[in-house]
C-alpha cells in the first residue's frame, strides 16, 4: 500500500519483543514473500535449515519425512523476532510509519472513515483514517469491538517453552518433531543461537489440571513424554518461565465491511498442526491490502473467501485428528474426533 503512495500507519502494541514463537517457515514461503513484495527478506534472517518432519502421531513410533520430498524444500527455522523486524523494516522503507507500545482502544465512524483511539501507557492518542486492517490476532480487537461474532471451534492453548544449551552440548537434529500425548501434543524445533522451541498444545482446562504452567511443571511434563524428553538430555535448560498463549481454531463470522477488513489470525486462525500460519498470514495480508486499494468494493467477496478457508481448515483438521486413535475417550481427542458444533458456512 505504501508503494502505491497510500499513507500507512502500523500500530504495534509491544515496544520490544525479546522472543516470539512461530519460527517454522515452509519451503514455499520464499515465493509467497516475493509475490507479496518482500524480496530477499529470508536471506537477512538468522535461520537453520529444516531437514524434514518427524512425528509420533497415531503410533508410538517416530516416523520421518525428508524435506527433499517437498518440491519447495524442507523450509527453515528462523529467528522469528528478526523475521518480523525485517518485514516491518521493508514496510518502513516503502514509506509506512510505525507506532510502538500503542494498543487499540476503540473506533467510531467519521466523515473521513474512522476515528481511532489508542492507549500508550497512561496517555490517549487518536487519528483519522479511511480504512483499517485488523491484524490483532485471535483477539480480533477492532472487529469484535464493532459486534462481529468470533466463531471458536475449541479452547486450545499453547504452552510455549524457550530452551538454551551450552556450546559443548551439540544438537544435530534439524527436523520439526511432533509427538501426540493423551492430554494434547508436543512440537519442537531447533532455532539459531543454540536455542530450541518446545510447545505443548492442550485445552485450557486440561492444562490447568496438569499444573504445567511453571518451569518445574513443564519440565515434568516434558519428561513424561516418549520423544520430546530426549532433548532435555542434550543439555537444554529453560529460558525463564513458560508462556501460555491462545492457539484455538477460530474465525470471524464476517471479515470485512465498510472501510475495514481483518487479516491473518484475526480473520481465520488455523490449528497450529497445519504449520501454515505464517504463509496464510502473508497471503491474507496481501489480499487485505488489495481490498483496501480497491476502496473495499469487494468486501463481501473477501469475507466469503475467508469463510471458505475456515471451512476447509476445519475439515482438514478433523481428518488429521482422527488419525490419532489411541486415546478416543481422552477429553482432548474426543473433542476433536467429531465435526464441531458451531455455525460454519
C-alpha atoms as a PDB file:
ATOM      1  CA  UNK A   1       0.000   0.000   0.000  1.00  0.00           C
ATOM      2  CA  UNK A   2       2.828   2.381   0.841  1.00  0.00           C
ATOM      3  CA  UNK A   3       4.408   1.693  -2.545  1.00  0.00           C
ATOM      4  CA  UNK A   4       1.110   2.783  -4.094  1.00  0.00           C
ATOM      5  CA  UNK A   5       1.513   6.158  -2.306  1.00  0.00           C
ATOM      6  CA  UNK A   6      -1.100   5.322   0.351  1.00  0.00           C
ATOM      7  CA  UNK A   7      -0.415   6.799   3.793  1.00  0.00           C
ATOM      8  CA  UNK A   8       0.088   3.754   6.027  1.00  0.00           C
ATOM      9  CA  UNK A   9       0.433   3.568   9.806  1.00  0.00           C
ATOM     10  CA  UNK A  10       1.384   0.288  11.510  1.00  0.00           C
ATOM     11  CA  UNK A  11       0.346   0.192  15.175  1.00  0.00           C
ATOM     12  CA  UNK A  12       2.288  -2.301  17.323  1.00  0.00           C
ATOM     13  CA  UNK A  13       1.194  -2.893  20.915  1.00  0.00           C
ATOM     14  CA  UNK A  14       4.602  -4.067  22.143  1.00  0.00           C
ATOM     15  CA  UNK A  15       7.647  -1.803  22.305  1.00  0.00           C
ATOM     16  CA  UNK A  16      10.142  -4.664  22.259  1.00  0.00           C
ATOM     17  CA  UNK A  17       9.737  -8.394  21.662  1.00  0.00           C
ATOM     18  CA  UNK A  18      12.683 -10.405  23.065  1.00  0.00           C
ATOM     19  CA  UNK A  19      11.345 -13.778  21.892  1.00  0.00           C
ATOM     20  CA  UNK A  20       8.494 -14.957  19.714  1.00  0.00           C
ATOM     21  CA  UNK A  21       7.219 -18.392  18.789  1.00  0.00           C
ATOM     22  CA  UNK A  22       6.153 -19.295  15.247  1.00  0.00           C
ATOM     23  CA  UNK A  23       9.561 -19.945  13.749  1.00  0.00           C
ATOM     24  CA  UNK A  24       8.928 -22.634  11.128  1.00  0.00           C
ATOM     25  CA  UNK A  25       8.953 -21.348   7.555  1.00  0.00           C
ATOM     26  CA  UNK A  26       7.853 -23.893   4.904  1.00  0.00           C
ATOM     27  CA  UNK A  27       9.747 -24.134   1.643  1.00  0.00           C
ATOM     28  CA  UNK A  28       7.022 -22.309  -0.302  1.00  0.00           C
ATOM     29  CA  UNK A  29       7.391 -19.220   1.917  1.00  0.00           C
ATOM     30  CA  UNK A  30      10.130 -17.703  -0.241  1.00  0.00           C
ATOM     31  CA  UNK A  31       7.895 -17.443  -3.314  1.00  0.00           C
ATOM     32  CA  UNK A  32       4.927 -16.246  -1.210  1.00  0.00           C
ATOM     33  CA  UNK A  33       7.082 -13.478   0.295  1.00  0.00           C
ATOM     34  CA  UNK A  34       8.349 -12.479  -3.141  1.00  0.00           C
ATOM     35  CA  UNK A  35       4.810 -12.201  -4.546  1.00  0.00           C
ATOM     36  CA  UNK A  36       3.897 -10.023  -1.570  1.00  0.00           C
ATOM     37  CA  UNK A  37       6.800  -7.677  -2.366  1.00  0.00           C
ATOM     38  CA  UNK A  38       9.241  -8.815   0.319  1.00  0.00           C
ATOM     39  CA  UNK A  39      12.156  -9.892  -1.858  1.00  0.00           C
ATOM     40  CA  UNK A  40      15.269 -11.150  -0.091  1.00  0.00           C
ATOM     41  CA  UNK A  41      13.876 -10.922   3.452  1.00  0.00           C
ATOM     42  CA  UNK A  42      14.672 -14.534   4.352  1.00  0.00           C
ATOM     43  CA  UNK A  43      18.293 -14.079   3.321  1.00  0.00           C
ATOM     44  CA  UNK A  44      18.734 -11.422   6.022  1.00  0.00           C
ATOM     45  CA  UNK A  45      17.334 -13.504   8.887  1.00  0.00           C
ATOM     46  CA  UNK A  46      19.247 -15.934  11.125  1.00  0.00           C
ATOM     47  CA  UNK A  47      17.962 -19.415  10.374  1.00  0.00           C
ATOM     48  CA  UNK A  48      18.631 -23.132  10.436  1.00  0.00           C
ATOM     49  CA  UNK A  49      17.715 -25.394   7.536  1.00  0.00           C
ATOM     50  CA  UNK A  50      14.826 -27.741   8.312  1.00  0.00           C
ATOM     51  CA  UNK A  51      15.817 -31.231   7.178  1.00  0.00           C
ATOM     52  CA  UNK A  52      12.297 -32.657   7.385  1.00  0.00           C
ATOM     53  CA  UNK A  53       9.486 -33.683   9.709  1.00  0.00           C
ATOM     54  CA  UNK A  54       9.281 -36.398  12.337  1.00  0.00           C
ATOM     55  CA  UNK A  55       6.047 -37.331  14.042  1.00  0.00           C
ATOM     56  CA  UNK A  56       4.719 -39.788  16.574  1.00  0.00           C
ATOM     57  CA  UNK A  57       1.054 -39.465  15.634  1.00  0.00           C
ATOM     58  CA  UNK A  58      -1.274 -42.448  15.733  1.00  0.00           C
ATOM     59  CA  UNK A  59       1.642 -44.601  16.847  1.00  0.00           C
ATOM     60  CA  UNK A  60       4.416 -44.533  19.445  1.00  0.00           C
ATOM     61  CA  UNK A  61       6.880 -44.902  16.573  1.00  0.00           C
ATOM     62  CA  UNK A  62       8.614 -41.751  15.349  1.00  0.00           C
ATOM     63  CA  UNK A  63       8.146 -41.595  11.563  1.00  0.00           C
ATOM     64  CA  UNK A  64      10.244 -39.323   9.350  1.00  0.00           C
ATOM     65  CA  UNK A  65       9.588 -37.439   6.128  1.00  0.00           C
ATOM     66  CA  UNK A  66      12.672 -35.941   4.492  1.00  0.00           C
ATOM     67  CA  UNK A  67      12.495 -32.335   3.332  1.00  0.00           C
ATOM     68  CA  UNK A  68      13.854 -33.263  -0.103  1.00  0.00           C
ATOM     69  CA  UNK A  69      10.494 -34.915  -0.833  1.00  0.00           C
ATOM     70  CA  UNK A  70       8.854 -31.473  -0.788  1.00  0.00           C
ATOM     71  CA  UNK A  71       9.172 -29.742  -4.189  1.00  0.00           C
ATOM     72  CA  UNK A  72       9.765 -26.428  -2.379  1.00  0.00           C
ATOM     73  CA  UNK A  73      12.333 -27.897   0.028  1.00  0.00           C
ATOM     74  CA  UNK A  74      12.189 -28.518   3.752  1.00  0.00           C
ATOM     75  CA  UNK A  75      11.969 -24.880   4.743  1.00  0.00           C
ATOM     76  CA  UNK A  76      13.772 -23.286   7.684  1.00  0.00           C
ATOM     77  CA  UNK A  77      13.557 -22.499  11.382  1.00  0.00           C
ATOM     78  CA  UNK A  78      14.121 -18.768  11.712  1.00  0.00           C
ATOM     79  CA  UNK A  79      14.660 -16.229  14.440  1.00  0.00           C
ATOM     80  CA  UNK A  80      11.053 -15.027  14.422  1.00  0.00           C
ATOM     81  CA  UNK A  81      11.814 -11.666  16.055  1.00  0.00           C
ATOM     82  CA  UNK A  82      14.366 -10.901  13.320  1.00  0.00           C
ATOM     83  CA  UNK A  83      11.948 -12.080  10.645  1.00  0.00           C
ATOM     84  CA  UNK A  84       9.197  -9.736  11.845  1.00  0.00           C
ATOM     85  CA  UNK A  85      11.673  -6.868  12.156  1.00  0.00           C
ATOM     86  CA  UNK A  86      12.784  -7.377   8.562  1.00  0.00           C
ATOM     87  CA  UNK A  87       9.184  -7.344   7.303  1.00  0.00           C
ATOM     88  CA  UNK A  88       8.473  -4.183   9.279  1.00  0.00           C
ATOM     89  CA  UNK A  89      11.701  -2.619   8.006  1.00  0.00           C
ATOM     90  CA  UNK A  90      10.602  -3.243   4.425  1.00  0.00           C
ATOM     91  CA  UNK A  91       7.282  -1.512   5.138  1.00  0.00           C
ATOM     92  CA  UNK A  92       9.091   1.483   6.669  1.00  0.00           C
ATOM     93  CA  UNK A  93      11.456   1.670   3.684  1.00  0.00           C
ATOM     94  CA  UNK A  94       8.403   1.782   1.425  1.00  0.00           C
ATOM     95  CA  UNK A  95       7.043   4.762   3.364  1.00  0.00           C
ATOM     96  CA  UNK A  96       4.939   3.305   6.187  1.00  0.00           C
ATOM     97  CA  UNK A  97       5.066   4.836   9.675  1.00  0.00           C
ATOM     98  CA  UNK A  98       5.116   2.791  12.902  1.00  0.00           C
ATOM     99  CA  UNK A  99       3.752   3.435  16.394  1.00  0.00           C
ATOM    100  CA  UNK A 100       5.161   1.083  19.040  1.00  0.00           C
ATOM    101  CA  UNK A 101       3.838   0.497  22.519  1.00  0.00           C
ATOM    102  CA  UNK A 102       0.369   1.619  21.435  1.00  0.00           C
ATOM    103  CA  UNK A 103      -2.766  -0.536  21.860  1.00  0.00           C
ATOM    104  CA  UNK A 104      -6.181  -0.224  20.232  1.00  0.00           C
ATOM    105  CA  UNK A 105      -8.950   1.122  22.460  1.00  0.00           C
ATOM    106  CA  UNK A 106     -11.961   1.994  20.315  1.00  0.00           C
ATOM    107  CA  UNK A 107     -13.145   3.354  16.985  1.00  0.00           C
ATOM    108  CA  UNK A 108     -16.122   5.280  15.651  1.00  0.00           C
ATOM    109  CA  UNK A 109     -17.133   6.113  12.112  1.00  0.00           C
ATOM    110  CA  UNK A 110     -16.263   9.583  10.952  1.00  0.00           C
ATOM    111  CA  UNK A 111     -16.729  11.707   7.836  1.00  0.00           C
ATOM    112  CA  UNK A 112     -13.347  10.551   6.572  1.00  0.00           C
ATOM    113  CA  UNK A 113     -13.915   6.922   7.523  1.00  0.00           C
ATOM    114  CA  UNK A 114     -12.813   6.146  11.069  1.00  0.00           C
ATOM    115  CA  UNK A 115     -11.764   7.949  14.218  1.00  0.00           C
ATOM    116  CA  UNK A 116      -9.410   5.576  16.038  1.00  0.00           C
ATOM    117  CA  UNK A 117      -8.472   5.848  19.700  1.00  0.00           C
ATOM    118  CA  UNK A 118      -5.390   4.263  21.248  1.00  0.00           C
ATOM    119  CA  UNK A 119      -3.647   3.958  24.581  1.00  0.00           C
ATOM    120  CA  UNK A 120       0.097   4.383  25.083  1.00  0.00           C
ATOM    121  CA  UNK A 121       0.914   3.871  28.745  1.00  0.00           C
ATOM    122  CA  UNK A 122      -1.423   6.209  30.579  1.00  0.00           C
ATOM    123  CA  UNK A 123      -1.869   8.565  27.625  1.00  0.00           C
ATOM    124  CA  UNK A 124      -4.529   8.503  24.919  1.00  0.00           C
ATOM    125  CA  UNK A 125      -3.940   9.102  21.218  1.00  0.00           C
ATOM    126  CA  UNK A 126      -6.281   9.375  18.265  1.00  0.00           C
ATOM    127  CA  UNK A 127      -6.220   9.674  14.494  1.00  0.00           C
ATOM    128  CA  UNK A 128      -8.490   9.815  11.475  1.00  0.00           C
ATOM    129  CA  UNK A 129      -8.177   7.295   8.653  1.00  0.00           C
ATOM    130  CA  UNK A 130     -10.106   5.962   5.678  1.00  0.00           C
ATOM    131  CA  UNK A 131      -9.541   2.228   6.245  1.00  0.00           C
ATOM    132  CA  UNK A 132      -8.495  -0.199   8.965  1.00  0.00           C
ATOM    133  CA  UNK A 133      -6.898  -3.640   8.643  1.00  0.00           C
ATOM    134  CA  UNK A 134      -7.393  -5.608  11.849  1.00  0.00           C
ATOM    135  CA  UNK A 135      -4.220  -7.640  12.462  1.00  0.00           C
ATOM    136  CA  UNK A 136      -4.717  -8.139  16.205  1.00  0.00           C
ATOM    137  CA  UNK A 137      -4.600 -11.935  16.047  1.00  0.00           C
ATOM    138  CA  UNK A 138      -7.192 -14.173  17.621  1.00  0.00           C
ATOM    139  CA  UNK A 139      -8.461 -11.263  19.736  1.00  0.00           C
ATOM    140  CA  UNK A 140      -9.700  -9.510  16.557  1.00  0.00           C
ATOM    141  CA  UNK A 141      -9.955  -6.368  18.692  1.00  0.00           C
ATOM    142  CA  UNK A 142     -11.282  -3.973  16.053  1.00  0.00           C
ATOM    143  CA  UNK A 143     -13.840  -6.366  14.525  1.00  0.00           C
ATOM    144  CA  UNK A 144     -15.194  -7.581  17.848  1.00  0.00           C
ATOM    145  CA  UNK A 145     -15.437  -4.008  19.162  1.00  0.00           C
ATOM    146  CA  UNK A 146     -17.994  -3.488  16.374  1.00  0.00           C
ATOM    147  CA  UNK A 147     -20.038  -6.544  17.226  1.00  0.00           C
ATOM    148  CA  UNK A 148     -18.625  -9.045  14.724  1.00  0.00           C
ATOM    149  CA  UNK A 149     -19.035 -12.584  16.065  1.00  0.00           C
ATOM    150  CA  UNK A 150     -15.964 -14.713  16.674  1.00  0.00           C
ATOM    151  CA  UNK A 151     -16.697 -18.395  15.982  1.00  0.00           C
ATOM    152  CA  UNK A 152     -14.458 -20.529  18.218  1.00  0.00           C
ATOM    153  CA  UNK A 153     -14.142 -24.239  17.449  1.00  0.00           C
ATOM    154  CA  UNK A 154     -12.095 -25.292  20.501  1.00  0.00           C
ATOM    155  CA  UNK A 155     -10.409 -23.964  23.645  1.00  0.00           C
ATOM    156  CA  UNK A 156      -6.861 -24.878  22.669  1.00  0.00           C
ATOM    157  CA  UNK A 157      -3.914 -23.035  24.189  1.00  0.00           C
ATOM    158  CA  UNK A 158      -0.174 -23.344  23.673  1.00  0.00           C
ATOM    159  CA  UNK A 159       2.329 -23.744  26.482  1.00  0.00           C
ATOM    160  CA  UNK A 160       5.455 -22.167  24.972  1.00  0.00           C
ATOM    161  CA  UNK A 161       8.928 -23.046  26.250  1.00  0.00           C
ATOM    162  CA  UNK A 162      12.224 -21.480  25.141  1.00  0.00           C
ATOM    163  CA  UNK A 163      15.310 -23.622  25.773  1.00  0.00           C
ATOM    164  CA  UNK A 164      19.035 -22.952  25.506  1.00  0.00           C
ATOM    165  CA  UNK A 165      22.086 -25.223  25.620  1.00  0.00           C
ATOM    166  CA  UNK A 166      25.815 -24.757  26.291  1.00  0.00           C
ATOM    167  CA  UNK A 167      28.305 -24.717  23.400  1.00  0.00           C
ATOM    168  CA  UNK A 168      29.724 -28.113  24.309  1.00  0.00           C
ATOM    169  CA  UNK A 169      26.312 -29.852  24.053  1.00  0.00           C
ATOM    170  CA  UNK A 170      25.703 -30.409  20.313  1.00  0.00           C
ATOM    171  CA  UNK A 171      22.234 -30.742  18.814  1.00  0.00           C
ATOM    172  CA  UNK A 172      22.334 -32.125  15.284  1.00  0.00           C
ATOM    173  CA  UNK A 173      18.565 -32.562  14.990  1.00  0.00           C
ATOM    174  CA  UNK A 174      17.263 -30.108  12.379  1.00  0.00           C
ATOM    175  CA  UNK A 175      13.822 -31.655  11.985  1.00  0.00           C
ATOM    176  CA  UNK A 176      10.426 -30.476  13.087  1.00  0.00           C
ATOM    177  CA  UNK A 177       9.335 -33.050  15.687  1.00  0.00           C
ATOM    178  CA  UNK A 178       5.734 -33.712  16.777  1.00  0.00           C
ATOM    179  CA  UNK A 179       4.550 -36.138  19.463  1.00  0.00           C
ATOM    180  CA  UNK A 180       0.941 -36.723  20.469  1.00  0.00           C
ATOM    181  CA  UNK A 181       0.106 -37.436  24.115  1.00  0.00           C
ATOM    182  CA  UNK A 182      -3.155 -38.328  25.928  1.00  0.00           C
ATOM    183  CA  UNK A 183      -3.634 -34.705  27.033  1.00  0.00           C
ATOM    184  CA  UNK A 184      -2.556 -32.994  23.781  1.00  0.00           C
ATOM    185  CA  UNK A 185       0.537 -32.866  21.593  1.00  0.00           C
ATOM    186  CA  UNK A 186       4.111 -31.555  21.528  1.00  0.00           C
ATOM    187  CA  UNK A 187       6.022 -29.661  18.875  1.00  0.00           C
ATOM    188  CA  UNK A 188       9.715 -28.778  18.930  1.00  0.00           C
ATOM    189  CA  UNK A 189      12.283 -27.283  16.559  1.00  0.00           C
ATOM    190  CA  UNK A 190      15.823 -26.006  16.904  1.00  0.00           C
ATOM    191  CA  UNK A 191      16.347 -22.284  16.192  1.00  0.00           C
ATOM    192  CA  UNK A 192      19.518 -20.149  15.857  1.00  0.00           C
ATOM    193  CA  UNK A 193      21.782 -19.157  18.762  1.00  0.00           C
ATOM    194  CA  UNK A 194      21.810 -22.602  20.470  1.00  0.00           C
ATOM    195  CA  UNK A 195      18.122 -22.413  21.265  1.00  0.00           C
ATOM    196  CA  UNK A 196      15.164 -24.721  20.853  1.00  0.00           C
ATOM    197  CA  UNK A 197      11.440 -24.029  20.939  1.00  0.00           C
ATOM    198  CA  UNK A 198       9.108 -26.569  22.533  1.00  0.00           C
ATOM    199  CA  UNK A 199       5.333 -26.087  22.588  1.00  0.00           C
ATOM    200  CA  UNK A 200       2.667 -28.230  24.222  1.00  0.00           C
ATOM    201  CA  UNK A 201      -0.878 -27.862  22.854  1.00  0.00           C
ATOM    202  CA  UNK A 202      -3.868 -28.739  25.022  1.00  0.00           C
ATOM    203  CA  UNK A 203      -7.212 -27.318  26.075  1.00  0.00           C
ATOM    204  CA  UNK A 204      -7.062 -24.591  28.700  1.00  0.00           C
ATOM    205  CA  UNK A 205      -8.904 -26.557  31.392  1.00  0.00           C
ATOM    206  CA  UNK A 206      -6.730 -29.646  30.818  1.00  0.00           C
ATOM    207  CA  UNK A 207      -3.551 -27.595  31.057  1.00  0.00           C
ATOM    208  CA  UNK A 208      -4.638 -26.277  34.456  1.00  0.00           C
ATOM    209  CA  UNK A 209      -5.156 -29.850  35.644  1.00  0.00           C
ATOM    210  CA  UNK A 210      -1.621 -30.760  34.506  1.00  0.00           C
ATOM    211  CA  UNK A 211      -0.165 -27.905  36.599  1.00  0.00           C
ATOM    212  CA  UNK A 212       2.407 -27.303  33.895  1.00  0.00           C
ATOM    213  CA  UNK A 213       2.468 -23.504  33.834  1.00  0.00           C
ATOM    214  CA  UNK A 214       5.602 -23.265  35.987  1.00  0.00           C
ATOM    215  CA  UNK A 215       9.154 -24.140  34.949  1.00  0.00           C
ATOM    216  CA  UNK A 216       9.115 -27.199  37.210  1.00  0.00           C
ATOM    217  CA  UNK A 217       5.709 -28.274  35.922  1.00  0.00           C
ATOM    218  CA  UNK A 218       6.607 -28.044  32.244  1.00  0.00           C
ATOM    219  CA  UNK A 219       9.900 -29.912  32.777  1.00  0.00           C
ATOM    220  CA  UNK A 220       7.931 -32.694  34.482  1.00  0.00           C
ATOM    221  CA  UNK A 221       5.519 -32.732  31.530  1.00  0.00           C
ATOM    222  CA  UNK A 222       8.384 -32.962  29.037  1.00  0.00           C
ATOM    223  CA  UNK A 223       9.981 -35.813  30.968  1.00  0.00           C
ATOM    224  CA  UNK A 224       6.710 -37.763  30.852  1.00  0.00           C
ATOM    225  CA  UNK A 225       6.842 -37.797  27.036  1.00  0.00           C
ATOM    226  CA  UNK A 226       8.476 -40.515  24.948  1.00  0.00           C
ATOM    227  CA  UNK A 227      10.435 -38.466  22.403  1.00  0.00           C
ATOM    228  CA  UNK A 228      10.408 -34.798  23.468  1.00  0.00           C
ATOM    229  CA  UNK A 229      12.151 -35.611  26.752  1.00  0.00           C
ATOM    230  CA  UNK A 230      15.262 -36.673  24.822  1.00  0.00           C
ATOM    231  CA  UNK A 231      16.000 -33.025  24.036  1.00  0.00           C
ATOM    232  CA  UNK A 232      16.356 -32.300  27.751  1.00  0.00           C
ATOM    233  CA  UNK A 233      19.038 -34.991  27.777  1.00  0.00           C
ATOM    234  CA  UNK A 234      21.023 -32.906  25.251  1.00  0.00           C
ATOM    235  CA  UNK A 235      21.690 -30.352  27.981  1.00  0.00           C
ATOM    236  CA  UNK A 236      18.887 -27.871  27.297  1.00  0.00           C
ATOM    237  CA  UNK A 237      17.658 -25.610  30.090  1.00  0.00           C
ATOM    238  CA  UNK A 238      14.600 -23.372  30.212  1.00  0.00           C
ATOM    239  CA  UNK A 239      14.913 -19.654  29.493  1.00  0.00           C
ATOM    240  CA  UNK A 240      12.624 -18.003  32.034  1.00  0.00           C
ATOM    241  CA  UNK A 241       9.103 -19.227  32.709  1.00  0.00           C
ATOM    242  CA  UNK A 242       6.808 -20.914  30.153  1.00  0.00           C
ATOM    243  CA  UNK A 243       4.201 -18.720  28.470  1.00  0.00           C
ATOM    244  CA  UNK A 244       0.591 -19.667  27.725  1.00  0.00           C
ATOM    245  CA  UNK A 245      -0.975 -18.176  24.579  1.00  0.00           C
ATOM    246  CA  UNK A 246      -4.198 -18.741  22.635  1.00  0.00           C
ATOM    247  CA  UNK A 247      -3.972 -21.429  19.952  1.00  0.00           C
ATOM    248  CA  UNK A 248      -7.621 -22.081  19.173  1.00  0.00           C
ATOM    249  CA  UNK A 249      -9.167 -22.761  15.792  1.00  0.00           C
ATOM    250  CA  UNK A 250     -11.464 -19.800  15.193  1.00  0.00           C
ATOM    251  CA  UNK A 251     -12.622 -17.237  12.656  1.00  0.00           C
ATOM    252  CA  UNK A 252     -14.752 -14.144  12.273  1.00  0.00           C
ATOM    253  CA  UNK A 253     -18.311 -14.547  11.028  1.00  0.00           C
ATOM    254  CA  UNK A 254     -17.575 -11.572   8.759  1.00  0.00           C
ATOM    255  CA  UNK A 255     -14.020 -10.486   7.882  1.00  0.00           C
ATOM    256  CA  UNK A 256     -14.699  -7.230   6.013  1.00  0.00           C
ATOM    257  CA  UNK A 257     -17.117  -4.332   5.879  1.00  0.00           C
ATOM    258  CA  UNK A 258     -17.363  -0.597   5.408  1.00  0.00           C
ATOM    259  CA  UNK A 259     -13.766   0.692   5.378  1.00  0.00           C
ATOM    260  CA  UNK A 260     -12.274  -2.272   7.233  1.00  0.00           C
ATOM    261  CA  UNK A 261     -11.136  -5.873   6.938  1.00  0.00           C
ATOM    262  CA  UNK A 262      -9.305  -8.435   9.053  1.00  0.00           C
ATOM    263  CA  UNK A 263      -6.191 -10.369   8.063  1.00  0.00           C
ATOM    264  CA  UNK A 264      -4.117 -13.223   9.451  1.00  0.00           C
ATOM    265  CA  UNK A 265      -5.307 -14.857  12.663  1.00  0.00           C
ATOM    266  CA  UNK A 266      -7.772 -12.030  13.211  1.00  0.00           C
ATOM    267  CA  UNK A 267      -9.735 -13.270  10.189  1.00  0.00           C
ATOM    268  CA  UNK A 268      -9.015 -17.019  10.291  1.00  0.00           C
ATOM    269  CA  UNK A 269      -6.881 -18.749  12.936  1.00  0.00           C
ATOM    270  CA  UNK A 270      -5.719 -22.229  11.961  1.00  0.00           C
ATOM    271  CA  UNK A 271      -4.915 -25.116  14.239  1.00  0.00           C
ATOM    272  CA  UNK A 272      -1.101 -24.941  14.657  1.00  0.00           C
ATOM    273  CA  UNK A 273      -0.937 -28.551  13.462  1.00  0.00           C
ATOM    274  CA  UNK A 274      -1.366 -27.156   9.936  1.00  0.00           C
ATOM    275  CA  UNK A 275       2.048 -25.387  10.191  1.00  0.00           C
ATOM    276  CA  UNK A 276       0.730 -22.822   7.725  1.00  0.00           C
ATOM    277  CA  UNK A 277       0.161 -19.781   9.923  1.00  0.00           C
ATOM    278  CA  UNK A 278       2.911 -17.550   8.526  1.00  0.00           C
ATOM    279  CA  UNK A 279       2.241 -18.340   4.874  1.00  0.00           C
ATOM    280  CA  UNK A 280      -1.521 -17.896   5.256  1.00  0.00           C
ATOM    281  CA  UNK A 281      -0.995 -14.632   7.154  1.00  0.00           C
ATOM    282  CA  UNK A 282       1.181 -13.228   4.357  1.00  0.00           C
ATOM    283  CA  UNK A 283      -1.342 -14.279   1.727  1.00  0.00           C
ATOM    284  CA  UNK A 284      -4.298 -12.787   3.585  1.00  0.00           C
ATOM    285  CA  UNK A 285      -2.290  -9.641   4.354  1.00  0.00           C
ATOM    286  CA  UNK A 286      -1.661  -9.178   0.649  1.00  0.00           C
ATOM    287  CA  UNK A 287      -5.342  -9.793  -0.127  1.00  0.00           C
ATOM    288  CA  UNK A 288      -6.356  -7.281   2.570  1.00  0.00           C
ATOM    289  CA  UNK A 289      -4.038  -4.639   1.087  1.00  0.00           C
ATOM    290  CA  UNK A 290      -5.529  -5.214  -2.352  1.00  0.00           C
ATOM    291  CA  UNK A 291      -9.025  -4.872  -0.896  1.00  0.00           C
ATOM    292  CA  UNK A 292      -8.150  -1.520   0.712  1.00  0.00           C
ATOM    293  CA  UNK A 293      -6.558  -0.308  -2.521  1.00  0.00           C
ATOM    294  CA  UNK A 294      -9.839  -1.099  -4.298  1.00  0.00           C
ATOM    295  CA  UNK A 295     -11.765   1.057  -1.814  1.00  0.00           C
ATOM    296  CA  UNK A 296     -13.155  -2.071  -0.101  1.00  0.00           C
ATOM    297  CA  UNK A 297     -15.549  -2.512  -3.036  1.00  0.00           C
ATOM    298  CA  UNK A 298     -15.343  -6.309  -2.837  1.00  0.00           C
ATOM    299  CA  UNK A 299     -15.673  -6.636   0.939  1.00  0.00           C
ATOM    300  CA  UNK A 300     -18.362  -9.322   0.665  1.00  0.00           C
ATOM    301  CA  UNK A 301     -16.259 -11.455  -1.676  1.00  0.00           C
ATOM    302  CA  UNK A 302     -13.257 -11.078   0.637  1.00  0.00           C
ATOM    303  CA  UNK A 303     -15.313 -12.161   3.645  1.00  0.00           C
ATOM    304  CA  UNK A 304     -16.749 -15.128   1.734  1.00  0.00           C
ATOM    305  CA  UNK A 305     -13.240 -16.279   0.781  1.00  0.00           C
ATOM    306  CA  UNK A 306     -12.180 -16.162   4.453  1.00  0.00           C
ATOM    307  CA  UNK A 307     -15.226 -18.266   5.451  1.00  0.00           C
ATOM    308  CA  UNK A 308     -14.431 -20.815   2.754  1.00  0.00           C
ATOM    309  CA  UNK A 309     -10.855 -21.027   4.013  1.00  0.00           C
ATOM    310  CA  UNK A 310     -12.075 -21.519   7.587  1.00  0.00           C
ATOM    311  CA  UNK A 311     -14.436 -24.298   6.486  1.00  0.00           C
ATOM    312  CA  UNK A 312     -11.674 -26.044   4.547  1.00  0.00           C
ATOM    313  CA  UNK A 313      -9.315 -25.786   7.511  1.00  0.00           C
ATOM    314  CA  UNK A 314     -11.856 -27.325   9.885  1.00  0.00           C
ATOM    315  CA  UNK A 315     -12.410 -30.267   7.522  1.00  0.00           C
ATOM    316  CA  UNK A 316      -8.648 -30.842   7.234  1.00  0.00           C
ATOM    317  CA  UNK A 317      -8.235 -30.501  10.999  1.00  0.00           C
ATOM    318  CA  UNK A 318     -10.882 -33.182  11.611  1.00  0.00           C
ATOM    319  CA  UNK A 319      -9.148 -35.603   9.241  1.00  0.00           C
ATOM    320  CA  UNK A 320      -5.752 -35.211  10.911  1.00  0.00           C
ATOM    321  CA  UNK A 321      -7.051 -35.550  14.463  1.00  0.00           C
ATOM    322  CA  UNK A 322      -8.957 -38.697  13.524  1.00  0.00           C
ATOM    323  CA  UNK A 323      -5.610 -40.243  12.527  1.00  0.00           C
ATOM    324  CA  UNK A 324      -4.734 -40.397  16.227  1.00  0.00           C
ATOM    325  CA  UNK A 325      -6.987 -43.147  17.607  1.00  0.00           C
ATOM    326  CA  UNK A 326      -5.025 -44.346  20.658  1.00  0.00           C
ATOM    327  CA  UNK A 327      -6.959 -42.284  23.221  1.00  0.00           C
ATOM    328  CA  UNK A 328     -10.541 -41.942  21.885  1.00  0.00           C
ATOM    329  CA  UNK A 329     -12.099 -41.249  25.300  1.00  0.00           C
ATOM    330  CA  UNK A 330      -9.482 -38.741  26.500  1.00  0.00           C
ATOM    331  CA  UNK A 331     -11.206 -35.314  26.533  1.00  0.00           C
ATOM    332  CA  UNK A 332      -8.662 -33.601  24.251  1.00  0.00           C
ATOM    333  CA  UNK A 333      -9.020 -36.195  21.482  1.00  0.00           C
ATOM    334  CA  UNK A 334     -12.728 -36.877  21.959  1.00  0.00           C
ATOM    335  CA  UNK A 335     -13.459 -33.182  21.361  1.00  0.00           C
ATOM    336  CA  UNK A 336     -11.589 -33.306  18.057  1.00  0.00           C
ATOM    337  CA  UNK A 337     -12.943 -36.505  16.560  1.00  0.00           C
ATOM    338  CA  UNK A 338     -16.328 -35.069  15.557  1.00  0.00           C
ATOM    339  CA  UNK A 339     -17.471 -32.098  13.492  1.00  0.00           C
ATOM    340  CA  UNK A 340     -17.528 -29.017  15.740  1.00  0.00           C
ATOM    341  CA  UNK A 341     -20.976 -27.837  16.778  1.00  0.00           C
ATOM    342  CA  UNK A 342     -20.550 -24.297  15.519  1.00  0.00           C
ATOM    343  CA  UNK A 343     -22.149 -22.456  12.564  1.00  0.00           C
ATOM    344  CA  UNK A 344     -19.580 -22.852   9.802  1.00  0.00           C
ATOM    345  CA  UNK A 345     -20.522 -21.505   6.369  1.00  0.00           C
END
